[in-house]
Protein backbone atom coordinates (compact mmCIF):
# COMPACT_ATOMS: atom_id res chain seq x y z
CA UNK A 1 3.43 12.29 -0.46
CA UNK A 2 3.89 8.65 0.48
CA UNK A 3 3.81 6.00 -2.23
CA UNK A 4 0.58 3.99 -2.42
CA UNK A 5 0.88 0.20 -2.42
CA UNK A 6 -2.67 -0.89 -3.23
CA UNK A 7 -5.87 0.67 -4.45
CA UNK A 8 -7.92 3.01 -2.27
CA UNK A 9 -10.84 1.27 -0.58
CA UNK A 10 -14.00 3.18 0.32
CA UNK A 11 -15.39 2.01 3.66
CA UNK A 12 -19.04 2.57 4.59
CA UNK A 13 -19.76 2.93 8.30
CA UNK A 14 -23.28 2.97 9.68
CA UNK A 15 -23.82 5.70 12.26
CA UNK A 16 -26.08 5.49 15.32
CA UNK A 17 -28.73 7.66 13.68
CA UNK A 18 -29.11 5.28 10.71
CA UNK A 19 -27.07 7.23 8.18
CA UNK A 20 -23.85 6.02 6.64
CA UNK A 21 -20.58 7.83 6.30
CA UNK A 22 -17.83 7.01 3.87
CA UNK A 23 -14.10 7.22 4.38
CA UNK A 24 -11.15 6.25 2.22
CA UNK A 25 -8.66 3.68 3.43
CA UNK A 26 -5.26 3.95 1.74
CA UNK A 27 -2.49 1.35 1.76
CA UNK A 28 0.96 2.93 1.69
CA UNK A 29 4.27 1.30 0.81
CA UNK A 30 5.80 2.15 4.19
CA UNK A 31 3.07 0.22 6.01
CA UNK A 32 3.54 -3.09 4.17
CA UNK A 33 5.73 -5.87 5.56
CA UNK A 34 9.10 -6.64 4.01
CA UNK A 35 8.00 -10.16 3.11
CA UNK A 36 5.08 -8.86 1.05
CA UNK A 37 7.38 -6.40 -0.74
CA UNK A 38 9.80 -9.17 -1.66
CA UNK A 39 6.95 -11.36 -2.94
CA UNK A 40 5.62 -8.48 -5.03
CA UNK A 41 9.03 -7.83 -6.61
CA UNK A 42 9.24 -11.46 -7.73
CA UNK A 43 5.98 -11.27 -9.70
CA UNK A 44 6.55 -11.25 -13.48
CA UNK A 45 3.66 -8.83 -14.12
CA UNK A 46 5.16 -5.93 -12.12
CA UNK A 47 6.09 -2.82 -14.11
CA UNK A 48 9.74 -1.65 -14.00
CA UNK A 49 8.84 1.77 -12.55
CA UNK A 50 6.94 0.20 -9.66
CA UNK A 51 9.62 -2.46 -9.14
CA UNK A 52 12.22 0.30 -8.77
CA UNK A 53 10.08 1.99 -6.08
CA UNK A 54 9.82 -1.31 -4.20
CA UNK A 55 13.59 -1.84 -4.39
CA UNK A 56 14.25 1.67 -3.04
CA UNK A 57 11.92 0.99 -0.10
CA UNK A 58 13.76 -2.26 0.71
CA UNK A 59 17.14 -0.50 0.57
CA UNK A 60 15.80 2.23 2.87
CA UNK A 61 14.62 -0.38 5.37
CA UNK A 62 17.91 -2.27 5.40
CA UNK A 63 19.88 0.93 6.09
CA UNK A 64 17.75 1.87 9.10
């Protein structure tokens, strides 16, 4: 499973017949820009476990 970056957002879409349907929109670590990852690592409130995941993603991107 990919690593989630942000919380899941529930989107409500109005259909043509007047009903609404819901779908979940996920934000994954692989879909976030490198600049945002670097800014997130510099935050003092980030937990060490999550910071380690961010660092591994940056290393993976620099290798490829």
